């Protein structure tokens, strides 16, 4: 079995299908793993969800911020924005099975010796802590607390982790680290307003650039940050969002060989 990780698909199904054809992907023996943002902004959100769900065990994913936004809109927490392109999912006859399937996905998973996350892992967490807290939020999403979670999901505060946090504030900062983070301080203070840049004035750095990061020896695969254009982010860090929905290529990573494959090639 060959495992492939793919960057943010965001409803761009056709480039994904061409990539899978390029590597002769066989769902009976291979596995595709999405680093999140399966849908939104692109032209085929509904078709993308159906395709990935229908792959069954041949597909895994972690939740991204766009996936969580869809689930919040479906809960009636917010209306869709004029940039959202997932209205076809909300109107689909198979809406509920699709949304239930999406809501059951994790925020962090391991495959082939790599740790898959949408945005990143803050420098103050080791990998065991990251999994524990990601599981905590995933469990909330599968509980009677999920409505409370979505009603309190949006917001940039608190901007730093504390073990003393409880309830919605605790869930929000965990979610922001794992699905929205780009820049933070060495102590974990988040800066969530910058989107299109790759550097900021100190003390903020890209989350992976802090030299005492506790996951520095763990192999982390992430998406979310199209402005990086898939650049080299240092040892054991692999950026897969190459901005397909914004006109860039889509990136696939062979987890056995470490090779990147792009569409268009």
Protein backbone atom coordinates (compact mmCIF):
# COMPACT_ATOMS: atom_id res chain seq x y z
CA UNK A 1 0.00 0.00 0.00
CA UNK A 2 1.20 3.49 -0.87
CA UNK A 3 -0.02 6.38 1.25
CA UNK A 4 -0.32 9.81 -0.32
CA UNK A 5 -0.96 13.09 1.50
CA UNK A 6 -2.62 15.89 -0.44
CA UNK A 7 -2.71 19.62 0.21
CA UNK A 8 -5.83 21.77 0.50
CA UNK A 9 -8.32 20.54 -2.12
CA UNK A 10 -11.00 23.18 -1.43
CA UNK A 11 -13.49 21.74 -3.88
CA UNK A 12 -10.98 21.50 -6.76
CA UNK A 13 -11.91 17.94 -7.69
CA UNK A 14 -10.58 17.82 -11.24
CA UNK A 15 -6.93 18.58 -10.34
CA UNK A 16 -7.18 15.94 -7.61
CA UNK A 17 -8.48 13.33 -10.05
CA UNK A 18 -5.68 14.13 -12.49
CA UNK A 19 -3.10 13.79 -9.70
CA UNK A 20 -4.49 10.42 -8.66
CA UNK A 21 -4.42 9.26 -12.27
CA UNK A 22 -0.82 10.47 -12.55
CA UNK A 23 0.27 8.17 -9.70
CA UNK A 24 -2.05 5.31 -10.73
CA UNK A 25 -3.86 5.54 -7.39
CA UNK A 26 -5.68 2.29 -6.61
CA UNK A 27 -8.20 2.59 -3.75
CA UNK A 28 -8.04 -1.17 -3.22
CA UNK A 29 -4.42 -0.93 -2.12
CA UNK A 30 -3.49 2.77 -1.71
CA UNK A 31 -4.61 5.46 0.70
CA UNK A 32 -5.20 9.19 0.25
CA UNK A 33 -4.88 11.51 3.26
CA UNK A 34 -6.11 15.12 3.16
CA UNK A 35 -4.56 17.75 5.41
CA UNK A 36 -7.92 19.51 5.60
CA UNK A 37 -9.95 22.16 3.81
CA UNK A 38 -11.57 19.54 1.67
CA UNK A 39 -14.16 22.06 0.50
CA UNK A 40 -14.96 25.74 -0.07
CA UNK A 41 -13.73 28.40 -2.48
CA UNK A 42 -13.42 25.91 -5.35
CA UNK A 43 -16.09 24.87 -7.88
CA UNK A 44 -16.98 21.31 -6.81
CA UNK A 45 -17.34 21.12 -3.04
CA UNK A 46 -20.23 18.64 -3.10
CA UNK A 47 -18.60 16.37 -5.69
CA UNK A 48 -15.32 16.47 -3.75
CA UNK A 49 -16.99 15.42 -0.50
CA UNK A 50 -18.87 12.60 -2.19
CA UNK A 51 -15.76 11.34 -3.96
CA UNK A 52 -13.64 11.30 -0.80
CA UNK A 53 -16.35 9.78 1.38
CA UNK A 54 -16.96 7.07 -1.22
CA UNK A 55 -13.30 6.04 -1.08
CA UNK A 56 -14.08 4.49 2.30
CA UNK A 57 -10.97 3.17 4.11
CA UNK A 58 -8.81 4.40 1.22
CA UNK A 59 -9.35 7.99 2.44
CA UNK A 60 -8.47 9.77 5.67
CA UNK A 61 -8.43 13.45 6.57
CA UNK A 62 -8.02 16.00 9.32
CA UNK A 63 -10.41 18.90 9.71
CA UNK A 64 -9.44 22.33 8.41
CA UNK A 65 -10.93 25.72 9.18
CA UNK A 66 -13.12 25.67 6.05
CA UNK A 67 -14.49 22.24 6.96
CA UNK A 68 -15.38 23.48 10.44
CA UNK A 69 -16.92 26.63 8.96
CA UNK A 70 -19.23 24.50 6.80
CA UNK A 71 -20.30 22.52 9.85
CA UNK A 72 -21.00 25.72 11.80
CA UNK A 73 -23.11 27.13 8.93
CA UNK A 74 -25.00 23.83 8.74
CA UNK A 75 -25.72 24.19 12.48
CA UNK A 76 -27.25 27.62 11.83
CA UNK A 77 -24.54 29.43 13.80
CA UNK A 78 -23.74 31.70 10.85
CA UNK A 79 -24.92 32.26 7.33
CA UNK A 80 -22.56 31.54 4.43
CA UNK A 81 -20.44 34.45 3.22
CA UNK A 82 -20.38 35.65 -0.37
CA UNK A 83 -17.05 33.80 -0.79
CA UNK A 84 -18.38 30.43 0.34
CA UNK A 85 -19.00 27.82 -2.36
CA UNK A 86 -20.54 25.00 -0.35
CA UNK A 87 -24.22 25.85 -0.74
CA UNK A 88 -24.56 22.76 -2.96
CA UNK A 89 -23.66 20.60 0.05
CA UNK A 90 -26.26 22.30 2.25
CA UNK A 91 -28.94 21.71 -0.39
CA UNK A 92 -27.93 18.15 -1.29
CA UNK A 93 -30.27 15.19 -0.66
CA UNK A 94 -27.38 13.40 1.06
CA UNK A 95 -26.49 16.45 3.14
CA UNK A 96 -26.86 14.78 6.54
CA UNK A 97 -24.70 11.69 5.84
CA UNK A 98 -22.02 13.92 4.33
CA UNK A 99 -22.01 16.37 7.25
CA UNK A 100 -22.07 13.58 9.84
CA UNK A 101 -19.11 11.94 8.12
CA UNK A 102 -17.20 15.22 8.05
CA UNK A 103 -17.92 16.01 11.69
CA UNK A 104 -16.52 12.62 12.73
CA UNK A 105 -13.05 13.39 11.32
CA UNK A 106 -10.08 14.11 13.63
CA UNK A 107 -7.95 17.25 13.92
CA UNK A 108 -4.67 15.33 14.01
CA UNK A 109 -3.71 11.87 12.77
CA UNK A 110 -0.65 9.71 12.17
CA UNK A 111 0.13 7.95 8.91
CA UNK A 112 3.34 6.40 7.68
CA UNK A 113 5.36 7.92 10.49
CA UNK A 114 4.07 11.43 9.74
CA UNK A 115 1.68 13.58 11.77
CA UNK A 116 -1.04 15.23 9.68
CA UNK A 117 -2.54 18.53 10.81
CA UNK A 118 -4.22 21.35 8.94
CA UNK A 119 -2.38 24.43 10.24
CA UNK A 120 0.34 23.28 12.61
CA UNK A 121 1.32 22.44 16.18
CA UNK A 122 2.35 25.28 18.51
CA UNK A 123 5.94 25.23 19.76
CA UNK A 124 4.82 24.83 23.39
CA UNK A 125 3.15 21.42 22.79
CA UNK A 126 4.90 18.09 22.40
CA UNK A 127 3.30 15.57 20.07
CA UNK A 128 1.56 13.65 22.87
CA UNK A 129 -0.04 16.84 24.16
CA UNK A 130 -1.14 17.77 20.65
CA UNK A 131 -2.87 14.42 20.17
CA UNK A 132 -4.51 14.58 23.59
CA UNK A 133 -5.96 18.04 22.97
CA UNK A 134 -6.95 17.29 19.37
CA UNK A 135 -8.83 14.24 20.62
CA UNK A 136 -10.52 16.36 23.27
CA UNK A 137 -12.02 18.62 20.59
CA UNK A 138 -12.90 15.69 18.34
CA UNK A 139 -14.79 14.11 21.26
CA UNK A 140 -16.71 17.36 21.82
CA UNK A 141 -17.72 17.32 18.13
CA UNK A 142 -19.22 13.88 18.66
CA UNK A 143 -21.04 14.81 21.86
CA UNK A 144 -24.08 16.78 22.99
CA UNK A 145 -21.69 19.74 23.43
CA UNK A 146 -21.15 20.14 19.69
CA UNK A 147 -23.76 22.91 19.35
CA UNK A 148 -22.08 24.84 22.18
CA UNK A 149 -18.74 24.31 20.44
CA UNK A 150 -19.91 25.75 17.11
CA UNK A 151 -21.68 28.71 18.72
CA UNK A 152 -18.39 29.64 20.39
CA UNK A 153 -15.90 28.53 17.73
CA UNK A 154 -15.23 31.89 16.07
CA UNK A 155 -12.83 34.37 17.61
CA UNK A 156 -9.14 35.04 18.24
CA UNK A 157 -9.18 34.99 22.04
CA UNK A 158 -7.70 33.53 24.09
CA UNK A 159 -4.55 33.88 22.01
CA UNK A 160 -2.39 31.57 24.14
CA UNK A 161 -2.77 28.12 25.63
CA UNK A 162 -3.18 27.60 29.36
CA UNK A 163 -3.88 24.31 31.13
CA UNK A 164 -6.42 26.18 33.25
CA UNK A 165 -8.70 27.00 30.31
CA UNK A 166 -12.11 25.33 30.34
CA UNK A 167 -15.10 24.88 28.07
CA UNK A 168 -15.55 26.96 24.90
CA UNK A 169 -12.41 29.08 25.43
CA UNK A 170 -10.32 25.93 25.79
CA UNK A 171 -11.85 24.36 22.67
CA UNK A 172 -11.42 27.59 20.69
CA UNK A 173 -7.71 28.00 21.31
CA UNK A 174 -7.03 24.31 20.57
CA UNK A 175 -8.98 24.67 17.32
CA UNK A 176 -7.18 27.89 16.40
CA UNK A 177 -3.77 26.31 16.88
CA UNK A 178 -4.56 23.21 14.85
CA UNK A 179 -6.66 24.76 12.06
CA UNK A 180 -5.85 28.49 11.77
CA UNK A 181 -2.33 29.17 13.06
CA UNK A 182 0.43 30.60 10.90
CA UNK A 183 2.41 32.91 13.17
CA UNK A 184 2.96 32.69 16.91
CA UNK A 185 5.56 33.54 19.53
CA UNK A 186 7.84 31.01 21.20
CA UNK A 187 5.43 31.09 24.16
CA UNK A 188 2.47 30.27 21.92
CA UNK A 189 0.83 33.68 21.56
CA UNK A 190 -1.14 33.56 18.29
CA UNK A 191 -1.31 36.18 15.54
CA UNK A 192 -4.33 35.28 13.42
CA UNK A 193 -4.86 38.35 11.22
CA UNK A 194 -2.00 37.84 8.74
CA UNK A 195 -2.82 35.61 5.76
CA UNK A 196 -0.85 36.53 2.67
CA UNK A 197 2.62 36.95 4.13
CA UNK A 198 5.35 34.55 5.16
CA UNK A 199 7.27 36.72 7.63
CA UNK A 200 6.33 39.02 10.51
CA UNK A 201 8.21 41.28 12.91
CA UNK A 202 9.58 39.54 16.00
CA UNK A 203 8.59 38.08 18.37
CA UNK A 204 6.24 36.41 15.90
CA UNK A 205 7.60 33.67 13.66
CA UNK A 206 6.04 30.91 11.57
CA UNK A 207 5.01 28.24 14.07
CA UNK A 208 7.60 25.80 12.66
CA UNK A 209 10.50 28.31 12.83
CA UNK A 210 10.92 28.45 16.62
CA UNK A 211 14.20 26.69 17.42
CA UNK A 212 13.00 25.20 20.72
CA UNK A 213 9.77 23.84 19.25
CA UNK A 214 8.86 20.68 21.18
CA UNK A 215 7.93 18.77 18.00
CA UNK A 216 11.21 19.56 16.22
CA UNK A 217 12.03 15.83 15.90
CA UNK A 218 8.54 14.82 14.73
CA UNK A 219 7.61 14.70 11.05
CA UNK A 220 4.69 17.09 10.52
CA UNK A 221 2.69 17.45 7.31
CA UNK A 222 0.42 20.49 7.09
CA UNK A 223 -1.63 22.64 4.71
CA UNK A 224 -3.50 25.92 5.24
CA UNK A 225 -0.69 28.33 4.27
CA UNK A 226 -0.90 28.89 0.51
CA UNK A 227 1.44 31.89 0.63
CA UNK A 228 4.32 29.54 1.48
CA UNK A 229 3.88 27.99 -1.99
CA UNK A 230 5.14 24.69 -0.62
CA UNK A 231 8.60 26.03 0.19
CA UNK A 232 11.17 24.16 2.28
CA UNK A 233 10.20 24.82 5.91
CA UNK A 234 13.10 22.96 7.51
CA UNK A 235 13.75 19.45 8.74
CA UNK A 236 10.72 17.24 9.35
CA UNK A 237 8.18 19.86 8.25
CA UNK A 238 6.28 19.42 4.97
CA UNK A 239 4.06 22.17 3.52
CA UNK A 240 1.41 20.82 1.13
CA UNK A 241 -0.85 23.81 0.43
CA UNK A 242 0.47 25.17 -2.86
CA UNK A 243 -2.64 27.28 -3.55
CA UNK A 244 -4.51 25.19 -6.11
CA UNK A 245 -7.74 27.12 -5.58
CA UNK A 246 -5.83 30.39 -6.20
CA UNK A 247 -4.27 29.22 -9.47
CA UNK A 248 -1.29 27.28 -8.17
CA UNK A 249 -0.66 23.55 -8.50
CA UNK A 250 -2.09 20.86 -6.23
CA UNK A 251 0.56 18.94 -4.30
CA UNK A 252 0.57 15.24 -3.49
CA UNK A 253 3.24 13.70 -1.26
CA UNK A 254 4.24 10.04 -1.38
CA UNK A 255 4.74 9.24 2.29
CA UNK A 256 7.03 6.30 1.54
CA UNK A 257 9.44 8.04 -0.81
CA UNK A 258 8.95 11.64 0.32
CA UNK A 259 8.43 12.63 -3.33
CA UNK A 260 6.19 15.56 -4.23
CA UNK A 261 3.91 15.24 -7.27
CA UNK A 262 2.12 18.27 -8.69
CA UNK A 263 -0.84 18.97 -10.96
CA UNK A 264 -0.16 20.55 -13.33
CA UNK A 265 3.17 18.72 -13.30
